[in-house]
C-alpha cells in the first residue's frame, strides 16, 4: 500500500527540485544523518526501510520544518502518513503550505 501511494504521488504532482534538495539537506542537518542529501531518494519511504526514520525523528523534522517554512505540522493531523511518506511528499506539502 505504501509503495502504491508513493507511485501515485510521483505521477500526480510536480515538485520544485531546488526545494526538494533544500528539504533533503534540512533532514540531514536536523537529524545528523550519516548520509548526504543527494543520496536521499525522492520517492523512498522516510520511515522504516527507506531512510529509516522513526517517530521521534519525524517530530524533530516537523519542528525544524515549522520553524524554517513558517507553518505548523501537527502531530494529530490525519494526513501525516501522506505528508511524511517520502521526501517528495514532504516537499510537496511544504511547497503548498509555506509562508516563508
Protein backbone atom coordinates (compact mmCIF):
# COMPACT_ATOMS: atom_id res chain seq x y z
CA UNK A 1 0.00 0.00 0.00
CA UNK A 2 2.78 2.46 0.87
CA UNK A 3 4.57 1.78 -2.42
CA UNK A 4 1.33 2.37 -4.31
CA UNK A 5 0.83 5.72 -2.54
CA UNK A 6 4.37 6.75 -3.44
CA UNK A 7 3.88 5.85 -7.10
CA UNK A 8 0.57 7.71 -7.28
CA UNK A 9 2.04 10.83 -5.72
CA UNK A 10 5.07 10.82 -8.00
CA UNK A 11 2.85 10.61 -11.05
CA UNK A 12 0.27 13.15 -9.89
CA UNK A 13 2.38 16.07 -8.71
CA UNK A 14 5.33 18.12 -9.76
CA UNK A 15 7.68 19.38 -7.13
CA UNK A 16 10.24 22.16 -7.04
CA UNK A 17 13.53 20.28 -7.38
CA UNK A 18 15.54 23.02 -5.67
CA UNK A 19 13.16 22.95 -2.71
CA UNK A 20 13.42 19.16 -2.56
CA UNK A 21 17.22 19.38 -2.36
CA UNK A 22 16.85 22.01 0.37
CA UNK A 23 14.46 19.79 2.35
CA UNK A 24 16.82 16.81 1.96
CA UNK A 25 19.68 18.92 3.34
CA UNK A 26 17.41 20.04 6.18
CA UNK A 27 16.70 16.38 7.05
CA UNK A 28 20.40 15.52 7.07
CA UNK A 29 21.31 18.52 9.22
CA UNK A 30 18.39 18.29 11.65
CA UNK A 31 18.82 14.58 12.29
CA UNK A 32 22.61 14.35 11.95
CA UNK A 33 22.17 11.61 9.37
CA UNK A 34 25.19 9.68 8.17
CA UNK A 35 24.23 10.23 4.56
CA UNK A 36 24.40 13.15 2.19
CA UNK A 37 21.30 14.95 1.00
CA UNK A 38 21.93 13.92 -2.62
CA UNK A 39 21.64 10.25 -1.63
CA UNK A 40 18.09 10.58 -0.31
CA UNK A 41 15.81 9.19 -2.99
CA UNK A 42 12.80 11.40 -3.68
CA UNK A 43 10.29 8.55 -3.52
CA UNK A 44 11.88 6.25 -0.92
CA UNK A 45 9.90 5.95 2.31
CA UNK A 46 11.09 8.18 5.12
CA UNK A 47 10.01 5.58 7.69
CA UNK A 48 11.46 2.11 8.08
CA UNK A 49 13.11 0.53 5.05
CA UNK A 50 13.76 3.80 3.22
CA UNK A 51 15.57 6.48 5.18
CA UNK A 52 14.91 4.63 8.42
CA UNK A 53 13.33 7.45 10.41
CA UNK A 54 11.26 6.74 13.50
CA UNK A 55 8.50 8.73 15.18
CA UNK A 56 10.95 10.81 17.24
CA UNK A 57 12.84 11.73 14.06
CA UNK A 58 9.58 12.78 12.41
CA UNK A 59 8.74 15.02 15.38
CA UNK A 60 12.15 16.67 15.06
CA UNK A 61 11.64 17.16 11.32
CA UNK A 62 8.20 18.67 11.95
CA UNK A 63 9.71 21.17 14.38
CA UNK A 64 12.51 22.19 12.02
CA UNK A 65 10.18 22.44 9.02
CA UNK A 66 7.73 24.56 11.04
CA UNK A 67 10.46 26.99 12.03
CA UNK A 68 12.05 27.17 8.57
CA UNK A 69 8.93 27.44 6.42
CA UNK A 70 6.51 29.31 8.70
CA UNK A 71 3.70 26.85 9.22
CA UNK A 72 2.94 24.23 11.83
CA UNK A 73 2.91 20.49 11.29
CA UNK A 74 0.64 18.95 13.90
CA UNK A 75 1.07 15.52 15.47
CA UNK A 76 -2.68 14.91 15.29
CA UNK A 77 -3.00 15.70 11.57
CA UNK A 78 -4.67 12.76 9.86
CA UNK A 79 -2.61 13.44 6.72
CA UNK A 80 0.76 12.86 8.43
CA UNK A 81 1.17 9.42 6.87
CA UNK A 82 0.83 11.01 3.43
CA UNK A 83 2.91 14.09 4.31
CA UNK A 84 5.85 12.09 5.67
CA UNK A 85 5.59 9.26 3.15
CA UNK A 86 8.67 10.35 1.18
CA UNK A 87 10.96 13.29 0.56
CA UNK A 88 8.80 14.16 -2.45
CA UNK A 89 5.54 14.16 -0.46
CA UNK A 90 7.06 16.23 2.35
CA UNK A 91 8.43 18.72 -0.17
CA UNK A 92 5.09 18.96 -1.96
CA UNK A 93 3.37 19.69 1.34
CA UNK A 94 5.95 22.34 2.24
CA UNK A 95 5.61 23.86 -1.23
CA UNK A 96 1.83 24.17 -0.78
CA UNK A 97 1.86 25.40 2.84
CA UNK A 98 4.96 27.54 3.25
CA UNK A 99 4.69 31.17 4.25
CA UNK A 100 8.44 31.85 4.26
